[in-house]
């Protein structure tokens, strides 16, 4: 990208990029699921911390049934 092209490009914040990512998948019929804390709350068995999947643990274990089959989340 040349210097002149660079100066006409708008700058997006991290929050803007994250929201555009979520909006894209929501537009494809995914359900937006808020991210979970990286520090597990009241669950010493949780090992999904680095995967960003904390909010889905009970679903993976068959304890919780969601009313959607596709989801989007962002840490």
N, C-alpha and C. Protein backbone atom coordinates (compact mmCIF):
# COMPACT_ATOMS: atom_id res chain seq x y z
N UNK A 1 0.84 -1.16 0.00
CA UNK A 1 0.00 0.00 0.00
C UNK A 1 0.90 1.24 0.00
N UNK A 2 0.62 2.16 -0.89
CA UNK A 2 1.43 3.37 -0.97
C UNK A 2 1.06 4.33 0.15
N UNK A 3 1.90 5.34 0.34
CA UNK A 3 1.67 6.34 1.39
C UNK A 3 0.34 7.05 1.18
N UNK A 4 0.01 7.38 -0.07
CA UNK A 4 -1.25 8.09 -0.34
C UNK A 4 -2.46 7.19 -0.08
N UNK A 5 -2.36 5.91 -0.41
CA UNK A 5 -3.46 4.98 -0.12
C UNK A 5 -3.62 4.81 1.38
N UNK A 6 -2.52 4.79 2.08
CA UNK A 6 -2.53 4.60 3.53
C UNK A 6 -3.24 5.76 4.22
N UNK A 7 -3.02 6.98 3.75
CA UNK A 7 -3.59 8.16 4.40
C UNK A 7 -5.09 8.27 4.18
N UNK A 8 -5.65 7.63 3.15
CA UNK A 8 -7.09 7.71 2.91
C UNK A 8 -7.84 6.55 3.55
N UNK A 9 -7.13 5.61 4.13
CA UNK A 9 -7.76 4.47 4.77
C UNK A 9 -8.22 4.87 6.17
N UNK A 10 -9.47 4.52 6.51
CA UNK A 10 -9.94 4.84 7.85
C UNK A 10 -9.35 3.86 8.85
N UNK A 11 -9.20 4.33 10.07
CA UNK A 11 -8.64 3.51 11.12
C UNK A 11 -9.77 2.99 12.00
N UNK A 12 -9.76 1.70 12.22
CA UNK A 12 -10.77 1.08 13.08
C UNK A 12 -10.14 0.73 14.42
N UNK A 13 -10.89 0.91 15.47
CA UNK A 13 -10.42 0.50 16.79
C UNK A 13 -10.60 -1.02 16.93
N UNK A 14 -9.98 -1.58 17.93
CA UNK A 14 -10.15 -3.00 18.20
C UNK A 14 -11.62 -3.31 18.47
N UNK A 15 -12.29 -2.43 19.20
CA UNK A 15 -13.72 -2.63 19.49
C UNK A 15 -14.55 -2.62 18.20
N UNK A 16 -14.19 -1.74 17.25
CA UNK A 16 -14.89 -1.69 15.96
C UNK A 16 -14.71 -2.97 15.18
N UNK A 17 -13.48 -3.48 15.15
CA UNK A 17 -13.19 -4.72 14.42
C UNK A 17 -13.94 -5.88 15.05
N UNK A 18 -13.92 -5.96 16.38
CA UNK A 18 -14.63 -7.03 17.09
C UNK A 18 -16.12 -6.97 16.76
N UNK A 19 -16.70 -5.75 16.78
CA UNK A 19 -18.13 -5.61 16.49
C UNK A 19 -18.46 -5.98 15.05
N UNK A 20 -17.60 -5.60 14.10
CA UNK A 20 -17.82 -5.98 12.70
C UNK A 20 -17.78 -7.50 12.54
N UNK A 21 -16.87 -8.17 13.25
CA UNK A 21 -16.77 -9.63 13.24
C UNK A 21 -18.08 -10.23 13.74
N UNK A 22 -18.54 -9.77 14.88
CA UNK A 22 -19.80 -10.28 15.45
C UNK A 22 -20.97 -9.99 14.53
N UNK A 23 -21.07 -8.76 14.02
CA UNK A 23 -22.17 -8.38 13.13
C UNK A 23 -22.21 -9.25 11.88
N UNK A 24 -21.05 -9.59 11.34
CA UNK A 24 -21.01 -10.45 10.15
C UNK A 24 -21.67 -11.79 10.43
N UNK A 25 -21.29 -12.43 11.53
CA UNK A 25 -21.85 -13.74 11.82
C UNK A 25 -23.32 -13.67 12.23
N UNK A 26 -23.71 -12.61 12.92
CA UNK A 26 -25.13 -12.43 13.25
C UNK A 26 -25.94 -12.30 11.96
N UNK A 27 -25.37 -11.63 10.96
CA UNK A 27 -26.07 -11.49 9.67
C UNK A 27 -26.22 -12.83 8.95
N UNK A 28 -25.44 -13.82 9.37
CA UNK A 28 -25.51 -15.17 8.79
C UNK A 28 -26.28 -16.11 9.72
N UNK A 29 -27.16 -15.56 10.54
CA UNK A 29 -28.05 -16.29 11.44
C UNK A 29 -27.34 -16.98 12.61
N UNK A 30 -26.17 -16.47 13.03
CA UNK A 30 -25.54 -16.96 14.25
C UNK A 30 -26.10 -16.13 15.41
N UNK A 31 -26.16 -16.72 16.59
CA UNK A 31 -26.60 -16.03 17.79
C UNK A 31 -25.38 -15.45 18.49
N UNK A 32 -25.44 -14.18 18.84
CA UNK A 32 -24.33 -13.56 19.56
C UNK A 32 -24.41 -13.98 21.02
N UNK A 33 -23.36 -14.61 21.50
CA UNK A 33 -23.27 -15.03 22.90
C UNK A 33 -22.16 -14.20 23.54
N UNK A 34 -22.47 -13.46 24.58
CA UNK A 34 -21.43 -12.65 25.24
C UNK A 34 -20.28 -13.52 25.72
N UNK A 35 -19.08 -12.99 25.67
CA UNK A 35 -17.92 -13.75 26.12
C UNK A 35 -17.95 -13.90 27.63
N UNK A 36 -17.25 -14.92 28.11
CA UNK A 36 -17.16 -15.17 29.55
C UNK A 36 -15.86 -14.59 30.08
N UNK A 37 -15.81 -14.45 31.37
CA UNK A 37 -14.60 -13.98 32.02
C UNK A 37 -13.47 -14.98 31.78
N UNK A 38 -12.26 -14.49 31.63
CA UNK A 38 -11.12 -15.38 31.49
C UNK A 38 -10.76 -16.05 32.81
N UNK A 39 -11.26 -15.51 33.91
CA UNK A 39 -11.07 -16.12 35.22
C UNK A 39 -12.36 -16.87 35.54
N UNK A 40 -12.32 -18.20 35.53
CA UNK A 40 -13.55 -18.98 35.77
C UNK A 40 -14.19 -18.63 37.11
N UNK A 41 -15.48 -18.40 37.10
CA UNK A 41 -16.22 -18.08 38.31
C UNK A 41 -16.79 -19.35 38.92
N UNK A 42 -16.38 -19.65 40.11
CA UNK A 42 -16.96 -20.74 40.89
C UNK A 42 -16.94 -22.08 40.16
N UNK A 43 -15.88 -22.36 39.39
CA UNK A 43 -15.79 -23.64 38.67
C UNK A 43 -14.33 -24.06 38.56
N UNK A 44 -13.83 -24.78 39.55
CA UNK A 44 -12.42 -25.20 39.53
C UNK A 44 -12.12 -26.27 38.47
N UNK A 45 -13.16 -26.82 37.84
CA UNK A 45 -12.94 -27.87 36.83
C UNK A 45 -12.77 -27.30 35.43
N UNK A 46 -12.99 -26.01 35.26
CA UNK A 46 -13.01 -25.42 33.93
C UNK A 46 -11.62 -25.36 33.31
N UNK A 47 -11.47 -25.99 32.14
CA UNK A 47 -10.19 -26.00 31.44
C UNK A 47 -10.28 -25.35 30.07
N UNK A 48 -11.38 -24.68 29.77
CA UNK A 48 -11.57 -24.06 28.46
C UNK A 48 -11.10 -22.61 28.43
N UNK A 49 -10.45 -22.14 29.47
CA UNK A 49 -10.12 -20.72 29.61
C UNK A 49 -9.40 -20.16 28.38
N UNK A 50 -8.36 -20.82 27.91
CA UNK A 50 -7.60 -20.30 26.78
C UNK A 50 -8.33 -20.43 25.46
N UNK A 51 -9.32 -21.30 25.39
CA UNK A 51 -10.06 -21.50 24.15
C UNK A 51 -11.18 -20.48 24.00
N UNK A 52 -11.51 -19.72 25.04
CA UNK A 52 -12.60 -18.76 24.95
C UNK A 52 -13.96 -19.41 24.86
N UNK A 53 -14.10 -20.59 25.44
CA UNK A 53 -15.33 -21.35 25.32
C UNK A 53 -16.04 -21.56 26.66
N UNK A 54 -15.67 -20.80 27.67
CA UNK A 54 -16.23 -20.98 29.01
C UNK A 54 -17.76 -21.02 29.02
N UNK A 55 -18.37 -20.12 28.27
CA UNK A 55 -19.82 -20.01 28.29
C UNK A 55 -20.52 -21.22 27.67
N UNK A 56 -19.76 -22.12 27.04
CA UNK A 56 -20.36 -23.29 26.40
C UNK A 56 -20.07 -24.61 27.13
N UNK A 57 -19.39 -24.55 28.26
CA UNK A 57 -19.00 -25.78 28.96
C UNK A 57 -20.18 -26.69 29.23
N UNK A 58 -21.25 -26.17 29.82
CA UNK A 58 -22.41 -27.00 30.14
C UNK A 58 -23.08 -27.56 28.89
N UNK A 59 -23.00 -26.83 27.79
CA UNK A 59 -23.54 -27.33 26.52
C UNK A 59 -22.71 -28.52 26.04
N UNK A 60 -21.38 -28.41 26.11
CA UNK A 60 -20.51 -29.51 25.69
C UNK A 60 -20.72 -30.75 26.55
N UNK A 61 -21.03 -30.53 27.83
CA UNK A 61 -21.22 -31.66 28.75
C UNK A 61 -22.64 -32.24 28.69
N UNK A 62 -23.53 -31.63 27.90
CA UNK A 62 -24.89 -32.12 27.77
C UNK A 62 -25.80 -31.68 28.90
N UNK A 63 -25.35 -30.76 29.74
CA UNK A 63 -26.15 -30.28 30.87
C UNK A 63 -27.12 -29.19 30.42
N UNK A 64 -26.70 -28.38 29.46
CA UNK A 64 -27.47 -27.24 28.98
C UNK A 64 -27.83 -27.45 27.52
N UNK A 65 -29.07 -27.11 27.15
CA UNK A 65 -29.51 -27.18 25.76
C UNK A 65 -29.79 -25.76 25.30
N UNK A 66 -29.13 -25.32 24.25
CA UNK A 66 -29.33 -23.96 23.71
C UNK A 66 -30.44 -23.99 22.66
N UNK A 67 -31.09 -22.87 22.45
CA UNK A 67 -32.14 -22.79 21.43
C UNK A 67 -31.59 -22.34 20.08
N UNK A 68 -30.29 -22.46 19.91
CA UNK A 68 -29.63 -22.15 18.64
C UNK A 68 -28.56 -23.19 18.38
N UNK A 69 -28.17 -23.32 17.12
CA UNK A 69 -27.11 -24.28 16.77
C UNK A 69 -25.84 -23.62 16.27
N UNK A 70 -25.88 -22.30 16.02
CA UNK A 70 -24.71 -21.57 15.58
C UNK A 70 -24.55 -20.34 16.46
N UNK A 71 -23.32 -20.08 16.87
CA UNK A 71 -23.07 -18.95 17.77
C UNK A 71 -21.79 -18.22 17.35
N UNK A 72 -21.71 -16.96 17.76
CA UNK A 72 -20.51 -16.15 17.58
C UNK A 72 -20.22 -15.47 18.90
N UNK A 73 -18.94 -15.41 19.23
CA UNK A 73 -18.50 -14.71 20.43
C UNK A 73 -17.09 -14.19 20.16
N UNK A 74 -16.68 -13.22 20.93
CA UNK A 74 -15.33 -12.68 20.79
C UNK A 74 -14.80 -12.34 22.17
N UNK A 75 -13.57 -12.73 22.44
CA UNK A 75 -12.96 -12.40 23.72
C UNK A 75 -12.45 -10.98 23.69
